[in-house]
Amino acid sequence: VIGIYGALATSPLRELVPWDDVHVWWGDDRLVPRDHPLSNCLPLDDVLLEAPGKSGTGAAAIDIRRSAMPGIPLPVLNIHVMPIAEALEGRSAEAAAERVAEAYATELQAAPMARDAAGTPVLDVMLVGVGPDGHVLSVFPGSPLFDSPALVSAVPAPEHVAPHVPRVSLSPRFLTASRLPIAVLLGARKADIAAKVLAGPRDVRRYPAQLARRAGAAWFLDEAAAAGLPQRDRGE
């Protein structure tokens, strides 16, 4: 995912994408402040909004001090961060997660975007990573979110997958409704789950990432992650 952000932050995509028309939503996040190392917001902030590691343009003094390009021109109002920091003030983790889920669902419902037949907002692109157990978003194997009518739900801290932090997640229906799901698996430790998700029998409740195994989806795997796939499925 960070690699895709990096490509968007540099030429030619940096200049080609109509950023004024782009709205960013989060599929899930952990119940931590936006600047916390476990936050799913942090990679976007660090890579797209500040583009660290590039040579400064001189447009602002801070560019030179940080050796960074100015961030992509993405309007602040188009960045729809889950209101986690505010919800955490004076509340238990459980109460905060429920509050965030309710607020984010309200914001999504008010957004001017298409809906599918079930009323789920249709995202043009959905970029997701795949967990070592086949989870996607914070929809874990056997998740109750499959049967919940809620657009956004609080998710208790998982015991079987790190980090063990409460989360907030969109419904798995968003992946079904999205126009272009993009799934990313990298590294040898993902080889086993990549083979099960992409080449094994379809069972989305056991392997939620299989929701993105459909026509119109894009999958990005490195050689290590693809090592367990049949050769015909590796693009070789």
Protein backbone atom coordinates (compact mmCIF):
# COMPACT_ATOMS: atom_id res chain seq x y z
CA VAL A 1 0.00 0.00 0.00
CA ILE A 2 2.82 2.40 0.85
CA GLY A 3 4.39 1.67 -2.53
CA ILE A 4 1.17 2.69 -4.28
CA TYR A 5 1.04 5.89 -2.23
CA GLY A 6 4.63 6.57 -3.27
CA ALA A 7 3.77 6.16 -6.95
CA LEU A 8 0.86 8.58 -6.58
CA ALA A 9 3.07 11.13 -4.82
CA THR A 10 5.63 11.28 -7.64
CA SER A 11 5.58 12.15 -11.33
CA PRO A 12 3.80 11.48 -13.58
CA LEU A 13 0.78 10.48 -11.44
CA ARG A 14 1.31 13.38 -9.08
CA GLU A 15 0.46 15.77 -11.92
CA LEU A 16 -2.07 13.57 -13.75
CA VAL A 17 -4.53 12.76 -10.96
CA PRO A 18 -7.33 15.37 -10.61
CA TRP A 19 -6.84 15.71 -6.85
CA ASP A 20 -9.69 18.19 -6.38
CA ASP A 21 -12.08 15.39 -7.37
CA VAL A 22 -10.55 12.75 -5.08
CA HIS A 23 -12.12 11.91 -1.72
CA VAL A 24 -10.27 9.60 0.66
CA TRP A 25 -12.13 7.31 3.05
CA TRP A 26 -10.67 4.66 5.33
CA GLY A 27 -11.85 1.06 5.17
CA ASP A 28 -10.80 0.51 8.76
CA ASP A 29 -8.55 1.91 11.42
CA ARG A 30 -7.23 1.02 14.83
CA LEU A 31 -8.44 2.90 17.86
CA VAL A 32 -5.39 5.14 18.15
CA PRO A 33 -4.75 8.83 17.34
CA ARG A 34 -3.98 9.76 13.74
CA ASP A 35 -0.25 10.26 14.39
CA HIS A 36 0.18 6.95 16.25
CA PRO A 37 2.47 4.37 14.55
CA LEU A 38 -0.46 1.89 14.40
CA SER A 39 -2.80 4.36 12.67
CA ASN A 40 -3.84 3.57 9.11
CA CYS A 41 -3.84 7.32 8.48
CA LEU A 42 -0.13 7.71 9.12
CA PRO A 43 1.13 6.20 5.82
CA LEU A 44 -1.07 8.55 3.80
CA ASP A 45 0.02 11.52 5.90
CA ASP A 46 3.70 10.63 5.63
CA VAL A 47 3.85 9.55 2.00
CA LEU A 48 1.11 11.41 0.11
CA LEU A 49 0.61 14.57 2.11
CA GLU A 50 4.29 15.28 2.82
CA ALA A 51 6.10 13.01 0.33
CA PRO A 52 9.18 12.62 2.56
CA GLY A 53 12.55 11.76 1.12
CA LYS A 54 12.20 13.81 -2.08
CA SER A 55 14.22 16.94 -2.78
CA GLY A 56 12.60 20.19 -1.73
CA THR A 57 11.25 22.63 -4.31
CA GLY A 58 12.00 25.73 -2.31
CA ALA A 59 8.33 26.73 -2.33
CA ALA A 60 8.44 26.74 1.45
CA ALA A 61 11.31 26.75 3.91
CA ILE A 62 10.04 23.57 5.51
CA ASP A 63 10.61 21.76 2.20
CA ILE A 64 14.32 22.38 2.53
CA ARG A 65 14.51 21.46 6.21
CA ARG A 66 12.66 18.18 5.68
CA SER A 67 14.11 17.50 2.24
CA ALA A 68 10.53 16.89 1.17
CA MET A 69 8.30 17.82 -1.69
CA PRO A 70 5.09 19.62 -0.79
CA GLY A 71 2.26 17.14 -0.39
CA ILE A 72 -0.14 16.33 -3.19
CA PRO A 73 -2.80 19.03 -3.61
CA LEU A 74 -5.55 17.02 -1.96
CA PRO A 75 -8.14 19.36 -0.38
CA VAL A 76 -8.37 18.96 3.38
CA LEU A 77 -12.16 18.65 3.21
CA ASN A 78 -11.76 15.65 0.90
CA ILE A 79 -9.85 13.64 3.54
CA HIS A 80 -12.43 11.78 5.62
CA VAL A 81 -10.53 10.58 8.67
CA MET A 82 -12.36 8.51 11.28
CA PRO A 83 -12.85 10.81 14.33
CA ILE A 84 -10.93 8.52 16.68
CA ALA A 85 -8.90 11.03 18.69
CA GLU A 86 -12.02 13.00 19.61
CA ALA A 87 -13.96 9.88 20.55
CA LEU A 88 -11.19 8.63 22.84
CA GLU A 89 -11.43 11.66 25.12
CA GLY A 90 -12.93 10.49 28.41
CA ARG A 91 -14.42 7.27 27.03
CA SER A 92 -13.64 3.60 27.27
CA ALA A 93 -12.25 1.95 24.14
CA GLU A 94 -15.55 0.14 23.58
CA ALA A 95 -17.63 3.32 23.88
CA ALA A 96 -15.19 5.26 21.71
CA ALA A 97 -15.27 2.65 18.94
CA GLU A 98 -19.07 2.67 18.88
CA ARG A 99 -19.08 6.47 18.71
CA VAL A 100 -16.60 6.51 15.83
CA ALA A 101 -18.59 3.88 13.92
CA GLU A 102 -21.80 5.86 14.30
CA ALA A 103 -20.19 9.15 13.26
CA TYR A 104 -18.42 7.66 10.26
CA ALA A 105 -21.57 5.91 9.06
CA THR A 106 -23.43 9.22 9.26
CA GLU A 107 -20.72 10.94 7.21
CA LEU A 108 -20.78 8.20 4.59
CA GLN A 109 -24.57 8.30 4.35
CA ALA A 110 -24.44 12.06 3.77
CA ALA A 111 -21.75 11.87 1.08
CA PRO A 112 -22.91 12.45 -2.52
CA MET A 113 -21.91 9.09 -3.97
CA ALA A 114 -23.68 6.31 -5.81
CA ARG A 115 -25.37 3.49 -3.88
CA ASP A 116 -25.87 -0.12 -4.85
CA ALA A 117 -29.25 -1.87 -4.68
CA ALA A 118 -28.77 -2.55 -0.96
CA GLY A 119 -27.96 1.09 -0.22
CA THR A 120 -24.21 0.60 0.26
CA PRO A 121 -22.12 3.58 -0.90
CA VAL A 122 -20.10 2.67 -4.00
CA LEU A 123 -16.42 3.58 -3.76
CA ASP A 124 -14.61 3.94 -7.08
CA VAL A 125 -11.36 2.40 -5.80
CA MET A 126 -10.84 0.34 -2.66
CA LEU A 127 -7.21 -0.29 -1.71
CA VAL A 128 -6.80 -3.03 0.89
CA GLY A 129 -4.11 -5.14 2.43
CA VAL A 130 -4.64 -8.82 3.28
CA GLY A 131 -3.87 -10.15 6.75
CA PRO A 132 -2.05 -13.41 7.50
CA ASP A 133 -5.38 -15.09 8.31
CA GLY A 134 -7.06 -13.81 5.15
CA HIS A 135 -8.80 -10.88 6.81
CA VAL A 136 -9.43 -7.70 4.90
CA LEU A 137 -10.46 -4.35 6.39
CA SER A 138 -11.05 -5.44 10.00
CA VAL A 139 -13.31 -8.24 8.82
CA PHE A 140 -11.74 -11.36 10.31
CA PRO A 141 -12.65 -14.98 9.54
CA GLY A 142 -16.14 -15.66 10.84
CA SER A 143 -16.73 -11.96 11.52
CA PRO A 144 -20.22 -10.91 12.69
CA LEU A 145 -19.91 -7.99 10.26
CA PHE A 146 -21.04 -10.34 7.49
CA ASP A 147 -24.49 -10.44 9.07
CA SER A 148 -24.67 -6.87 10.37
CA PRO A 149 -26.78 -4.27 8.54
CA ALA A 150 -24.45 -1.50 9.79
CA LEU A 151 -22.29 0.35 7.29
CA VAL A 152 -19.58 0.84 9.92
CA SER A 153 -18.97 -1.26 13.03
CA ALA A 154 -16.80 -1.33 16.12
CA VAL A 155 -14.52 -4.38 16.18
CA PRO A 156 -13.03 -5.72 19.43
CA ALA A 157 -9.27 -6.15 19.62
CA PRO A 158 -8.42 -9.41 17.81
CA GLU A 159 -6.69 -12.02 19.95
CA HIS A 160 -5.19 -14.06 17.12
CA VAL A 161 -3.66 -11.29 15.02
CA ALA A 162 -1.41 -8.43 16.09
CA PRO A 163 -1.71 -5.64 16.87
CA HIS A 164 -4.25 -6.45 19.58
CA VAL A 165 -6.04 -3.11 19.37
CA PRO A 166 -9.77 -2.33 19.04
CA ARG A 167 -10.77 -1.22 15.57
CA VAL A 168 -13.52 0.37 13.49
CA SER A 169 -14.33 -1.11 10.08
CA LEU A 170 -16.53 -0.64 7.08
CA SER A 171 -18.90 -3.46 6.26
CA PRO A 172 -17.56 -6.17 3.93
CA ARG A 173 -20.36 -5.10 1.58
CA PHE A 174 -18.19 -2.15 0.55
CA LEU A 175 -15.76 -4.50 -1.19
CA THR A 176 -18.60 -6.13 -3.09
CA ALA A 177 -20.02 -2.77 -4.11
CA SER A 178 -16.74 -1.06 -5.04
CA ARG A 179 -15.95 -0.52 -8.70
CA LEU A 180 -12.25 -1.40 -8.42
CA PRO A 181 -10.96 -3.36 -5.43
CA ILE A 182 -7.15 -3.41 -5.27
CA ALA A 183 -5.61 -5.98 -2.91
CA VAL A 184 -1.95 -6.07 -1.91
CA LEU A 185 0.06 -9.00 -0.48
CA LEU A 186 3.81 -8.74 0.05
CA GLY A 187 6.44 -11.01 1.55
CA ALA A 188 7.04 -14.69 2.11
CA ARG A 189 4.89 -14.80 5.24
CA LYS A 190 1.87 -14.05 3.04
CA ALA A 191 2.57 -16.87 0.55
CA ASP A 192 0.42 -19.45 2.33
CA ILE A 193 -2.62 -17.21 2.68
CA ALA A 194 -2.19 -15.89 -0.88
CA ALA A 195 -2.47 -19.45 -2.20
CA LYS A 196 -5.55 -20.16 -0.10
CA VAL A 197 -7.29 -16.91 -0.99
CA LEU A 198 -6.50 -16.86 -4.70
CA ALA A 199 -6.24 -20.53 -5.66
CA GLY A 200 -8.33 -22.32 -3.02
CA PRO A 201 -12.08 -22.95 -2.81
CA ARG A 202 -14.21 -19.86 -2.36
CA ASP A 203 -15.36 -19.37 1.23
CA VAL A 204 -15.49 -15.66 2.03
CA ARG A 205 -16.48 -16.14 5.66
CA ARG A 206 -13.33 -18.19 6.21
CA TYR A 207 -11.15 -16.01 3.99
CA PRO A 208 -12.78 -12.55 3.80
CA ALA A 209 -10.14 -11.34 1.31
CA GLN A 210 -11.86 -13.53 -1.28
CA LEU A 211 -14.47 -10.78 -1.51
CA ALA A 212 -11.89 -9.08 -3.74
CA ARG A 213 -11.42 -12.24 -5.83
CA ARG A 214 -13.86 -11.16 -8.49
CA ALA A 215 -14.10 -9.72 -11.96
CA GLY A 216 -12.79 -6.18 -12.16
CA ALA A 217 -10.44 -6.50 -9.17
CA ALA A 218 -6.66 -6.00 -9.22
CA TRP A 219 -4.18 -7.96 -7.09
CA PHE A 220 -0.57 -6.96 -6.46
CA LEU A 221 1.81 -9.63 -5.12
CA ASP A 222 5.58 -9.71 -5.04
CA GLU A 223 7.46 -12.90 -5.98
CA ALA A 224 7.70 -14.06 -2.37
CA ALA A 225 3.97 -13.75 -1.73
CA ALA A 226 3.13 -15.45 -5.04
CA ALA A 227 5.47 -18.39 -4.46
CA GLY A 228 2.66 -20.76 -3.43
CA LEU A 229 0.41 -20.03 -6.40
CA PRO A 230 0.16 -22.38 -9.37
CA GLN A 231 2.48 -21.15 -12.11
CA ARG A 232 -0.46 -20.35 -14.37
CA ASP A 233 -1.68 -17.78 -11.83
CA ARG A 234 1.64 -15.97 -11.38
CA GLY A 235 1.64 -14.05 -14.62
CA GLU A 236 4.85 -15.76 -15.68
